[in-house]
Every structure is written in structure tokens, then in C-alpha cells.
Amino acid sequence: MLFSKEEKGQGLVEYAFILVLVAIVVLVALLVLGPVIGNTFSLINSSLSKV
């Protein structure tokens, strides 16, 4: 046997850890860029309402 049960469980924990890190990076990016994106959409909306 190449892998034991402990190694399979360890792999799952590593994948879960990577998933959590990616989720944290996405949340931080949204928190930082959220207001900028919101302002851009507001500017586009006001520009389109004038047309």
C-alpha cells in the first residue's frame, strides 16, 4: 500500500486549508475593491440616465 488512511485524511485537510485561504483572499479583495466597483457602476448609471 502506497498511502495509509492517515495520509488520505491529511490530504483532505490540506485541500480544505487551501480552500479556506482562497476564500479569505476573495473576501479581502471584495472588501477592498467593493467601494471602487460600486462607484464605477454609479458613475455609469448616472451617465446612462442623462442620455
Protein backbone atom coordinates (compact mmCIF):
# COMPACT_ATOMS: atom_id res chain seq x y z
CA MET A 1 0.00 0.00 0.00
CA LEU A 2 1.36 3.33 -1.02
CA PHE A 3 -0.86 5.51 1.16
CA SER A 4 -2.24 4.85 4.60
CA LYS A 5 -5.54 6.19 5.95
CA GLU A 6 -3.76 8.97 7.82
CA GLU A 7 -2.24 10.30 4.60
CA LYS A 8 -5.62 10.39 2.86
CA GLY A 9 -7.08 12.35 5.76
CA GLN A 10 -4.11 14.67 5.71
CA GLY A 11 -4.69 15.37 2.01
CA LEU A 12 -8.30 16.31 2.72
CA VAL A 13 -7.20 18.71 5.42
CA GLU A 14 -4.68 20.28 3.04
CA TYR A 15 -7.36 20.78 0.37
CA ALA A 16 -9.70 22.30 2.95
CA PHE A 17 -6.92 24.61 4.14
CA ILE A 18 -6.24 25.79 0.57
CA LEU A 19 -9.97 26.35 0.03
CA VAL A 20 -10.20 28.47 3.18
CA LEU A 21 -7.18 30.53 2.13
CA VAL A 22 -8.69 31.17 -1.31
CA ALA A 23 -12.00 32.18 0.29
CA ILE A 24 -10.20 34.64 2.59
CA VAL A 25 -8.30 36.17 -0.33
CA VAL A 26 -11.55 36.59 -2.31
CA LEU A 27 -13.31 38.21 0.65
CA VAL A 28 -10.46 40.63 1.25
CA ALA A 29 -10.35 41.53 -2.44
CA LEU A 30 -14.10 42.19 -2.44
CA LEU A 31 -13.86 44.32 0.68
CA VAL A 32 -11.03 46.38 -0.79
CA LEU A 33 -12.41 46.67 -4.33
CA GLY A 34 -16.11 46.78 -3.43
CA PRO A 35 -16.43 50.54 -2.99
CA VAL A 36 -14.41 51.19 -6.17
CA ILE A 37 -16.64 48.89 -8.20
CA GLY A 38 -19.77 50.42 -6.63
CA ASN A 39 -18.64 53.93 -7.50
CA THR A 40 -17.88 52.88 -11.07
CA PHE A 41 -21.36 51.39 -11.52
CA SER A 42 -22.94 54.52 -10.01
CA LEU A 43 -20.99 56.69 -12.43
CA ILE A 44 -22.07 54.54 -15.39
CA ASN A 45 -25.68 54.59 -14.17
CA SER A 46 -25.73 58.39 -13.85
CA SER A 47 -24.13 58.75 -17.28
CA LEU A 48 -26.73 56.48 -18.87
CA SER A 49 -29.63 58.27 -17.20
CA LYS A 50 -28.54 61.54 -18.84
CA VAL A 51 -28.78 60.01 -22.32
